[in-house]
Amino acid sequence: FTKNYDSFWWGADGSDNRKLHWASWDKLCVPKKGGGMGFHNLRYFNLALLGKQAWCLLSNPNSLSSHYFKAKYFPHCSFLEASESSNPSYVWRSICAERGLVNRG
């Protein structure tokens, strides 16, 4: 396996002339079964994790993170009605950006 892997990245001729095989990100994100490298699209992966965090704020209001965000950012309303406030953290802004996705189901 290692030799094939090295050959893919550095060239198959065995010489010291290392050659990098460039490939588009779309091809690298193809699953391994389909001939790609199986990398995830990190942007979509991040959005999915933020959506999951937003869903947890809605579905598990007794969790520590829910209590923290509620006390800090939406003490008098629900998560779906909350605003970003005047000086929000990067995490809160990111979660709020995915609120629409969670609201749509």
C-alpha atoms as a PDB file:
ATOM      1  CA  PHE A   1       0.000   0.000   0.000  1.00  0.00           C
ATOM      2  CA  THR A   2       2.732   2.458   0.917  1.00  0.00           C
ATOM      3  CA  LYS A   3       4.522   2.103  -2.414  1.00  0.00           C
ATOM      4  CA  ASN A   4       1.302   2.721  -4.355  1.00  0.00           C
ATOM      5  CA  TYR A   5       0.493   5.686  -2.155  1.00  0.00           C
ATOM      6  CA  ASP A   6       3.972   7.151  -2.616  1.00  0.00           C
ATOM      7  CA  SER A   7       3.738   6.542  -6.356  1.00  0.00           C
ATOM      8  CA  PHE A   8       0.460   8.426  -6.517  1.00  0.00           C
ATOM      9  CA  TRP A   9       1.884  11.496  -4.801  1.00  0.00           C
ATOM     10  CA  TRP A  10       5.486  11.492  -5.920  1.00  0.00           C
ATOM     11  CA  GLY A  11       5.734   9.658  -9.244  1.00  0.00           C
ATOM     12  CA  ALA A  12       6.018   6.031 -10.233  1.00  0.00           C
ATOM     13  CA  ASP A  13       9.503   5.928 -11.718  1.00  0.00           C
ATOM     14  CA  GLY A  14      11.316   5.501  -8.383  1.00  0.00           C
ATOM     15  CA  SER A  15      13.795   8.304  -9.095  1.00  0.00           C
ATOM     16  CA  ASP A  16      14.448  11.249  -6.843  1.00  0.00           C
ATOM     17  CA  ASN A  17      12.532  13.495  -9.253  1.00  0.00           C
ATOM     18  CA  ARG A  18       9.495  14.005  -7.092  1.00  0.00           C
ATOM     19  CA  LYS A  19       6.391  14.969  -9.005  1.00  0.00           C
ATOM     20  CA  LEU A  20       3.259  16.209  -7.322  1.00  0.00           C
ATOM     21  CA  HIS A  21       0.051  15.189  -9.079  1.00  0.00           C
ATOM     22  CA  TRP A  22      -2.360  18.094  -8.852  1.00  0.00           C
ATOM     23  CA  ALA A  23      -6.062  17.304  -8.648  1.00  0.00           C
ATOM     24  CA  SER A  24      -9.122  19.481  -8.207  1.00  0.00           C
ATOM     25  CA  TRP A  25     -10.829  19.612  -4.818  1.00  0.00           C
ATOM     26  CA  ASP A  26     -14.005  18.192  -6.400  1.00  0.00           C
ATOM     27  CA  LYS A  27     -12.102  15.072  -7.462  1.00  0.00           C
ATOM     28  CA  LEU A  28     -10.478  14.701  -4.055  1.00  0.00           C
ATOM     29  CA  CYS A  29     -13.907  14.843  -2.363  1.00  0.00           C
ATOM     30  CA  VAL A  30     -15.179  11.838  -4.337  1.00  0.00           C
ATOM     31  CA  PRO A  31     -15.578   8.811  -2.012  1.00  0.00           C
ATOM     32  CA  LYS A  32     -12.768   6.253  -2.089  1.00  0.00           C
ATOM     33  CA  LYS A  33     -15.125   3.680  -3.591  1.00  0.00           C
ATOM     34  CA  GLY A  34     -15.602   6.060  -6.524  1.00  0.00           C
ATOM     35  CA  GLY A  35     -11.890   6.543  -7.126  1.00  0.00           C
ATOM     36  CA  GLY A  36     -11.348   9.698  -5.096  1.00  0.00           C
ATOM     37  CA  MET A  37      -9.461  10.349  -1.886  1.00  0.00           C
ATOM     38  CA  GLY A  38     -12.590  10.497   0.283  1.00  0.00           C
ATOM     39  CA  PHE A  39     -11.972  13.984   1.668  1.00  0.00           C
ATOM     40  CA  HIS A  40     -14.986  15.792   3.057  1.00  0.00           C
ATOM     41  CA  ASN A  41     -16.019  19.185   1.792  1.00  0.00           C
ATOM     42  CA  LEU A  42     -15.008  21.101   4.918  1.00  0.00           C
ATOM     43  CA  ARG A  43     -17.359  24.006   4.297  1.00  0.00           C
ATOM     44  CA  TYR A  44     -20.417  21.746   4.195  1.00  0.00           C
ATOM     45  CA  PHE A  45     -19.088  19.714   7.100  1.00  0.00           C
ATOM     46  CA  ASN A  46     -18.705  22.879   9.194  1.00  0.00           C
ATOM     47  CA  LEU A  47     -22.202  24.071   8.271  1.00  0.00           C
ATOM     48  CA  ALA A  48     -23.621  20.690   9.268  1.00  0.00           C
ATOM     49  CA  LEU A  49     -21.901  20.854  12.661  1.00  0.00           C
ATOM     50  CA  LEU A  50     -23.172  24.400  13.257  1.00  0.00           C
ATOM     51  CA  GLY A  51     -26.683  23.282  12.314  1.00  0.00           C
ATOM     52  CA  LYS A  52     -26.365  20.409  14.753  1.00  0.00           C
ATOM     53  CA  GLN A  53     -25.330  22.815  17.513  1.00  0.00           C
ATOM     54  CA  ALA A  54     -28.324  25.042  16.714  1.00  0.00           C
ATOM     55  CA  TRP A  55     -30.588  21.973  16.820  1.00  0.00           C
ATOM     56  CA  CYS A  56     -29.136  21.026  20.225  1.00  0.00           C
ATOM     57  CA  LEU A  57     -29.989  24.499  21.557  1.00  0.00           C
ATOM     58  CA  LEU A  58     -33.592  23.914  20.524  1.00  0.00           C
ATOM     59  CA  SER A  59     -34.016  20.264  21.438  1.00  0.00           C
ATOM     60  CA  ASN A  60     -31.990  20.156  24.663  1.00  0.00           C
ATOM     61  CA  PRO A  61     -32.699  23.367  26.603  1.00  0.00           C
ATOM     62  CA  ASN A  62     -31.327  21.890  29.855  1.00  0.00           C
ATOM     63  CA  SER A  63     -27.783  21.355  28.565  1.00  0.00           C
ATOM     64  CA  LEU A  64     -24.942  23.491  29.879  1.00  0.00           C
ATOM     65  CA  SER A  65     -24.311  25.102  26.493  1.00  0.00           C
ATOM     66  CA  SER A  66     -28.011  25.930  26.108  1.00  0.00           C
ATOM     67  CA  HIS A  67     -28.071  27.593  29.527  1.00  0.00           C
ATOM     68  CA  TYR A  68     -24.926  29.561  28.690  1.00  0.00           C
ATOM     69  CA  PHE A  69     -26.139  30.842  25.317  1.00  0.00           C
ATOM     70  CA  LYS A  70     -29.620  31.597  26.671  1.00  0.00           C
ATOM     71  CA  ALA A  71     -28.248  33.620  29.590  1.00  0.00           C
ATOM     72  CA  LYS A  72     -25.806  35.518  27.415  1.00  0.00           C
ATOM     73  CA  TYR A  73     -27.678  36.063  24.126  1.00  0.00           C
ATOM     74  CA  PHE A  74     -31.412  35.400  24.449  1.00  0.00           C
ATOM     75  CA  PRO A  75     -32.564  35.576  28.092  1.00  0.00           C
ATOM     76  CA  HIS A  76     -36.077  36.828  27.278  1.00  0.00           C
ATOM     77  CA  CYS A  77     -36.965  34.968  24.082  1.00  0.00           C
ATOM     78  CA  SER A  78     -36.467  31.676  22.278  1.00  0.00           C
ATOM     79  CA  PHE A  79     -33.430  30.720  20.235  1.00  0.00           C
ATOM     80  CA  LEU A  80     -35.330  31.215  16.972  1.00  0.00           C
ATOM     81  CA  GLU A  81     -36.300  34.766  17.974  1.00  0.00           C
ATOM     82  CA  ALA A  82     -32.851  35.773  19.271  1.00  0.00           C
ATOM     83  CA  SER A  83     -30.818  38.499  17.620  1.00  0.00           C
ATOM     84  CA  GLU A  84     -27.058  38.496  17.186  1.00  0.00           C
ATOM     85  CA  SER A  85     -26.731  41.235  19.863  1.00  0.00           C
ATOM     86  CA  SER A  86     -24.338  44.173  19.733  1.00  0.00           C
ATOM     87  CA  ASN A  87     -21.054  42.326  20.341  1.00  0.00           C
ATOM     88  CA  PRO A  88     -21.592  38.632  19.589  1.00  0.00           C
ATOM     89  CA  SER A  89     -18.904  35.981  19.742  1.00  0.00           C
ATOM     90  CA  TYR A  90     -17.750  34.274  16.565  1.00  0.00           C
ATOM     91  CA  VAL A  91     -19.403  31.049  17.746  1.00  0.00           C
ATOM     92  CA  TRP A  92     -22.753  32.735  18.359  1.00  0.00           C
ATOM     93  CA  ARG A  93     -22.690  34.513  14.977  1.00  0.00           C
ATOM     94  CA  SER A  94     -21.908  31.202  13.274  1.00  0.00           C
ATOM     95  CA  ILE A  95     -24.721  29.358  15.045  1.00  0.00           C
ATOM     96  CA  CYS A  96     -27.155  32.166  14.225  1.00  0.00           C
ATOM     97  CA  ALA A  97     -26.194  31.899  10.566  1.00  0.00           C
ATOM     98  CA  GLU A  98     -27.512  28.326  10.567  1.00  0.00           C
ATOM     99  CA  ARG A  99     -30.710  29.122  12.449  1.00  0.00           C
ATOM    100  CA  GLY A 100     -32.631  29.425   9.181  1.00  0.00           C
ATOM    101  CA  LEU A 101     -31.574  25.927   8.153  1.00  0.00           C
ATOM    102  CA  VAL A 102     -32.808  24.499  11.448  1.00  0.00           C
ATOM    103  CA  ASN A 103     -36.012  26.527  11.224  1.00  0.00           C
ATOM    104  CA  ARG A 104     -36.732  25.047   7.771  1.00  0.00           C
ATOM    105  CA  GLY A 105     -36.291  21.542   9.166  1.00  0.00           C
END
